[in-house]
Each structure stands twice: as C-alpha cells, then as structure tokens.
Amino acid sequence: MFVDTGKIVGVLGKEPPVIQKREELKIEKAREEWKNLISQSWSVTLEVLNKPSDN
C-alpha cells in the first residue's frame, strides 16, 4: 500500500493534487493503517482524477 501526501493547487477539482511524498507500507503495517482509517469512517471511493471533461 502506498500513502501519498500532497497539496491541492488551483481550484479544487480543476487540477489534480500535487504529490509531495509517497510512503510504501509493508503488508502488516498497511493492514493496521486500513483498520485505523475504517474506524475513522473512511471509505473506498472511485477514482475521479481521470474523469472525462464536462466541457
């Protein structure tokens, strides 16, 4: 599992965020992180960065 950290540039949704750091988690640490996120009400979402333009 990779954990990306970055920042939003420009208008939210108009440009993809800029990744500043990527951390690779080994399987056991990734499972712990997943359980932690789920316990905080996080959920799986669909990718939207490559959606067709609305223009």
PDB file of N, CA and C in Angstrom:
ATOM      1  N   MET A   1       0.853  -1.160   0.000  1.00  0.00           N
ATOM      2  CA  MET A   1       0.000   0.000   0.000  1.00  0.00           C
ATOM      3  C   MET A   1       0.896   1.219   0.000  1.00  0.00           C
ATOM      4  N   PHE A   2       0.483   2.237  -0.746  1.00  0.00           N
ATOM      5  CA  PHE A   2       1.215   3.490  -0.775  1.00  0.00           C
ATOM      6  C   PHE A   2       0.359   4.572  -0.124  1.00  0.00           C
ATOM      7  N   VAL A   3       0.982   5.400   0.678  1.00  0.00           N
ATOM      8  CA  VAL A   3       0.314   6.540   1.292  1.00  0.00           C
ATOM      9  C   VAL A   3       0.932   7.783   0.672  1.00  0.00           C
ATOM     10  N   ASP A   4       0.114   8.538  -0.069  1.00  0.00           N
ATOM     11  CA  ASP A   4       0.583   9.757  -0.722  1.00  0.00           C
ATOM     12  C   ASP A   4       0.180  10.973   0.097  1.00  0.00           C
ATOM     13  N   THR A   5       1.084  11.919   0.179  1.00  0.00           N
ATOM     14  CA  THR A   5       0.824  13.182   0.846  1.00  0.00           C
ATOM     15  C   THR A   5       1.078  14.279  -0.172  1.00  0.00           C
ATOM     16  N   GLY A   6       0.194  15.262  -0.224  1.00  0.00           N
ATOM     17  CA  GLY A   6       0.373  16.311  -1.219  1.00  0.00           C
ATOM     18  C   GLY A   6      -0.391  17.555  -0.863  1.00  0.00           C
ATOM     19  N   LYS A   7      -0.619  18.360  -1.889  1.00  0.00           N
ATOM     20  CA  LYS A   7      -1.359  19.600  -1.676  1.00  0.00           C
ATOM     21  C   LYS A   7      -2.252  19.869  -2.871  1.00  0.00           C
ATOM     22  N   ILE A   8      -3.317  20.605  -2.627  1.00  0.00           N
ATOM     23  CA  ILE A   8      -4.250  20.995  -3.670  1.00  0.00           C
ATOM     24  C   ILE A   8      -3.727  22.278  -4.297  1.00  0.00           C
ATOM     25  N   VAL A   9      -3.715  22.314  -5.617  1.00  0.00           N
ATOM     26  CA  VAL A   9      -3.281  23.519  -6.337  1.00  0.00           C
ATOM     27  C   VAL A   9      -4.442  24.034  -7.173  1.00  0.00           C
ATOM     28  N   GLY A  10      -4.524  25.325  -7.330  1.00  0.00           N
ATOM     29  CA  GLY A  10      -5.594  25.899  -8.137  1.00  0.00           C
ATOM     30  C   GLY A  10      -6.946  25.687  -7.503  1.00  0.00           C
ATOM     31  N   VAL A  11      -7.969  25.601  -8.350  1.00  0.00           N
ATOM     32  CA  VAL A  11      -9.343  25.421  -7.911  1.00  0.00           C
ATOM     33  C   VAL A  11      -9.590  23.932  -7.678  1.00  0.00           C
ATOM     34  N   LEU A  12     -10.163  23.592  -6.539  1.00  0.00           N
ATOM     35  CA  LEU A  12     -10.423  22.197  -6.187  1.00  0.00           C
ATOM     36  C   LEU A  12     -11.234  21.515  -7.279  1.00  0.00           C
ATOM     37  N   GLY A  13     -10.729  20.404  -7.778  1.00  0.00           N
ATOM     38  CA  GLY A  13     -11.426  19.647  -8.801  1.00  0.00           C
ATOM     39  C   GLY A  13     -11.028  19.989 -10.226  1.00  0.00           C
ATOM     40  N   LYS A  14     -10.378  21.142 -10.433  1.00  0.00           N
ATOM     41  CA  LYS A  14      -9.968  21.541 -11.787  1.00  0.00           C
ATOM     42  C   LYS A  14      -8.616  20.954 -12.158  1.00  0.00           C
ATOM     43  N   GLU A  15      -7.754  20.778 -11.184  1.00  0.00           N
ATOM     44  CA  GLU A  15      -6.429  20.207 -11.420  1.00  0.00           C
ATOM     45  C   GLU A  15      -6.174  19.116 -10.386  1.00  0.00           C
ATOM     46  N   PRO A  16      -5.416  18.080 -10.761  1.00  0.00           N
ATOM     47  CA  PRO A  16      -5.098  17.042  -9.776  1.00  0.00           C
ATOM     48  C   PRO A  16      -4.167  17.580  -8.701  1.00  0.00           C
ATOM     49  N   PRO A  17      -4.210  17.014  -7.497  1.00  0.00           N
ATOM     50  CA  PRO A  17      -3.299  17.461  -6.440  1.00  0.00           C
ATOM     51  C   PRO A  17      -1.855  17.122  -6.788  1.00  0.00           C
ATOM     52  N   VAL A  18      -0.933  17.840  -6.185  1.00  0.00           N
ATOM     53  CA  VAL A  18       0.492  17.606  -6.385  1.00  0.00           C
ATOM     54  C   VAL A  18       0.986  16.690  -5.267  1.00  0.00           C
ATOM     55  N   ILE A  19       1.538  15.533  -5.645  1.00  0.00           N
ATOM     56  CA  ILE A  19       2.067  14.604  -4.650  1.00  0.00           C
ATOM     57  C   ILE A  19       3.431  15.093  -4.199  1.00  0.00           C
ATOM     58  N   GLN A  20       3.601  15.237  -2.887  1.00  0.00           N
ATOM     59  CA  GLN A  20       4.862  15.703  -2.337  1.00  0.00           C
ATOM     60  C   GLN A  20       5.677  14.568  -1.727  1.00  0.00           C
ATOM     61  N   LYS A  21       4.993  13.537  -1.248  1.00  0.00           N
ATOM     62  CA  LYS A  21       5.685  12.433  -0.585  1.00  0.00           C
ATOM     63  C   LYS A  21       4.888  11.154  -0.778  1.00  0.00           C
ATOM     64  N   ARG A  22       5.579  10.048  -1.009  1.00  0.00           N
ATOM     65  CA  ARG A  22       4.932   8.731  -1.131  1.00  0.00           C
ATOM     66  C   ARG A  22       5.661   7.776  -0.201  1.00  0.00           C
ATOM     67  N   GLU A  23       4.889   7.110   0.651  1.00  0.00           N
ATOM     68  CA  GLU A  23       5.449   6.147   1.593  1.00  0.00           C
ATOM     69  C   GLU A  23       4.867   4.774   1.285  1.00  0.00           C
ATOM     70  N   GLU A  24       5.723   3.769   1.153  1.00  0.00           N
ATOM     71  CA  GLU A  24       5.262   2.407   0.913  1.00  0.00           C
ATOM     72  C   GLU A  24       5.153   1.691   2.251  1.00  0.00           C
ATOM     73  N   LEU A  25       3.982   1.103   2.501  1.00  0.00           N
ATOM     74  CA  LEU A  25       3.772   0.358   3.733  1.00  0.00           C
ATOM     75  C   LEU A  25       3.789  -1.134   3.423  1.00  0.00           C
ATOM     76  N   LYS A  26       4.505  -1.884   4.209  1.00  0.00           N
ATOM     77  CA  LYS A  26       4.515  -3.337   4.068  1.00  0.00           C
ATOM     78  C   LYS A  26       3.168  -3.877   4.517  1.00  0.00           C
ATOM     79  N   ILE A  27       2.871  -5.115   4.194  1.00  0.00           N
ATOM     80  CA  ILE A  27       1.534  -5.685   4.341  1.00  0.00           C
ATOM     81  C   ILE A  27       0.957  -5.555   5.751  1.00  0.00           C
ATOM     82  N   GLU A  28       1.716  -5.853   6.775  1.00  0.00           N
ATOM     83  CA  GLU A  28       1.179  -5.777   8.148  1.00  0.00           C
ATOM     84  C   GLU A  28       0.877  -4.339   8.540  1.00  0.00           C
ATOM     85  N   LYS A  29       1.776  -3.423   8.227  1.00  0.00           N
ATOM     86  CA  LYS A  29       1.559  -2.007   8.535  1.00  0.00           C
ATOM     87  C   LYS A  29       0.391  -1.462   7.720  1.00  0.00           C
ATOM     88  N   ALA A  30       0.259  -1.917   6.469  1.00  0.00           N
ATOM     89  CA  ALA A  30      -0.849  -1.483   5.617  1.00  0.00           C
ATOM     90  C   ALA A  30      -2.186  -1.944   6.197  1.00  0.00           C
ATOM     91  N   ARG A  31      -2.236  -3.160   6.697  1.00  0.00           N
ATOM     92  CA  ARG A  31      -3.475  -3.662   7.308  1.00  0.00           C
ATOM     93  C   ARG A  31      -3.842  -2.850   8.547  1.00  0.00           C
ATOM     94  N   GLU A  32      -2.845  -2.503   9.344  1.00  0.00           N
ATOM     95  CA  GLU A  32      -3.096  -1.673  10.525  1.00  0.00           C
ATOM     96  C   GLU A  32      -3.631  -0.306  10.108  1.00  0.00           C
ATOM     97  N   GLU A  33      -3.013   0.288   9.098  1.00  0.00           N
ATOM     98  CA  GLU A  33      -3.444   1.608   8.619  1.00  0.00           C
ATOM     99  C   GLU A  33      -4.868   1.535   8.068  1.00  0.00           C
ATOM    100  N   TRP A  34      -5.183   0.485   7.311  1.00  0.00           N
ATOM    101  CA  TRP A  34      -6.528   0.308   6.752  1.00  0.00           C
ATOM    102  C   TRP A  34      -7.565   0.225   7.870  1.00  0.00           C
ATOM    103  N   LYS A  35      -7.296  -0.580   8.890  1.00  0.00           N
ATOM    104  CA  LYS A  35      -8.222  -0.714  10.021  1.00  0.00           C
ATOM    105  C   LYS A  35      -8.405   0.633  10.725  1.00  0.00           C
ATOM    106  N   ASN A  36      -7.328   1.384  10.868  1.00  0.00           N
ATOM    107  CA  ASN A  36      -7.383   2.693  11.506  1.00  0.00           C
ATOM    108  C   ASN A  36      -8.265   3.653  10.694  1.00  0.00           C
ATOM    109  N   LEU A  37      -8.088   3.672   9.382  1.00  0.00           N
ATOM    110  CA  LEU A  37      -8.890   4.558   8.540  1.00  0.00           C
ATOM    111  C   LEU A  37     -10.364   4.170   8.554  1.00  0.00           C
ATOM    112  N   ILE A  38     -10.646   2.876   8.470  1.00  0.00           N
ATOM    113  CA  ILE A  38     -12.034   2.407   8.500  1.00  0.00           C
ATOM    114  C   ILE A  38     -12.691   2.773   9.831  1.00  0.00           C
ATOM    115  N   SER A  39     -11.945   2.671  10.933  1.00  0.00           N
ATOM    116  CA  SER A  39     -12.505   3.020  12.240  1.00  0.00           C
ATOM    117  C   SER A  39     -12.806   4.514  12.356  1.00  0.00           C
ATOM    118  N   GLN A  40     -12.175   5.324  11.469  1.00  0.00           N
ATOM    119  CA  GLN A  40     -12.431   6.766  11.448  1.00  0.00           C
ATOM    120  C   GLN A  40     -13.474   7.141  10.393  1.00  0.00           C
ATOM    121  N   SER A  41     -14.230   6.140   9.933  1.00  0.00           N
ATOM    122  CA  SER A  41     -15.322   6.323   8.960  1.00  0.00           C
ATOM    123  C   SER A  41     -14.847   6.644   7.547  1.00  0.00           C
ATOM    124  N   TRP A  42     -13.607   6.357   7.214  1.00  0.00           N
ATOM    125  CA  TRP A  42     -13.141   6.490   5.839  1.00  0.00           C
ATOM    126  C   TRP A  42     -13.786   5.368   5.040  1.00  0.00           C
ATOM    127  N   SER A  43     -13.906   5.554   3.722  1.00  0.00           N
ATOM    128  CA  SER A  43     -14.466   4.512   2.867  1.00  0.00           C
ATOM    129  C   SER A  43     -13.776   4.536   1.506  1.00  0.00           C
ATOM    130  N   VAL A  44     -13.941   3.461   0.763  1.00  0.00           N
ATOM    131  CA  VAL A  44     -13.373   3.356  -0.572  1.00  0.00           C
ATOM    132  C   VAL A  44     -14.148   4.289  -1.501  1.00  0.00           C
ATOM    133  N   THR A  45     -13.449   5.014  -2.366  1.00  0.00           N
ATOM    134  CA  THR A  45     -14.090   5.906  -3.319  1.00  0.00           C
ATOM    135  C   THR A  45     -13.640   5.558  -4.733  1.00  0.00           C
ATOM    136  N   LEU A  46     -14.367   6.050  -5.700  1.00  0.00           N
ATOM    137  CA  LEU A  46     -13.994   5.855  -7.086  1.00  0.00           C
ATOM    138  C   LEU A  46     -12.976   6.906  -7.507  1.00  0.00           C
ATOM    139  N   GLU A  47     -12.084   6.544  -8.419  1.00  0.00           N
ATOM    140  CA  GLU A  47     -11.096   7.496  -8.929  1.00  0.00           C
ATOM    141  C   GLU A  47     -11.805   8.555  -9.753  1.00  0.00           C
ATOM    142  N   VAL A  48     -11.477   9.824  -9.535  1.00  0.00           N
ATOM    143  CA  VAL A  48     -12.104  10.908 -10.277  1.00  0.00           C
ATOM    144  C   VAL A  48     -11.092  11.784 -10.999  1.00  0.00           C
ATOM    145  N   LEU A  49      -9.807  11.544 -10.822  1.00  0.00           N
ATOM    146  CA  LEU A  49      -8.798  12.411 -11.453  1.00  0.00           C
ATOM    147  C   LEU A  49      -8.788  12.295 -12.966  1.00  0.00           C
ATOM    148  N   ASN A  50      -9.161  11.149 -13.504  1.00  0.00           N
ATOM    149  CA  ASN A  50      -9.117  10.954 -14.953  1.00  0.00           C
ATOM    150  C   ASN A  50     -10.503  10.933 -15.582  1.00  0.00           C
ATOM    151  N   LYS A  51     -11.472  11.568 -14.940  1.00  0.00           N
ATOM    152  CA  LYS A  51     -12.829  11.573 -15.498  1.00  0.00           C
ATOM    153  C   LYS A  51     -12.874  12.442 -16.748  1.00  0.00           C
ATOM    154  N   PRO A  52     -13.796  12.161 -17.664  1.00  0.00           N
ATOM    155  CA  PRO A  52     -13.919  12.982 -18.882  1.00  0.00           C
ATOM    156  C   PRO A  52     -14.290  14.416 -18.522  1.00  0.00           C
ATOM    157  N   SER A  53     -13.833  15.334 -19.320  1.00  0.00           N
ATOM    158  CA  SER A  53     -14.116  16.751 -19.099  1.00  0.00           C
ATOM    159  C   SER A  53     -15.596  17.044 -19.283  1.00  0.00           C
ATOM    160  N   ASP A  54     -16.127  17.961 -18.485  1.00  0.00           N
ATOM    161  CA  ASP A  54     -17.535  18.336 -18.581  1.00  0.00           C
ATOM    162  C   ASP A  54     -17.762  19.402 -19.647  1.00  0.00           C
ATOM    163  N   ASN A  55     -16.732  19.810 -20.340  1.00  0.00           N
ATOM    164  CA  ASN A  55     -16.840  20.886 -21.348  1.00  0.00           C
ATOM    165  C   ASN A  55     -17.503  20.412 -22.609  1.00  0.00           C
TER     166      ASN A  55
END
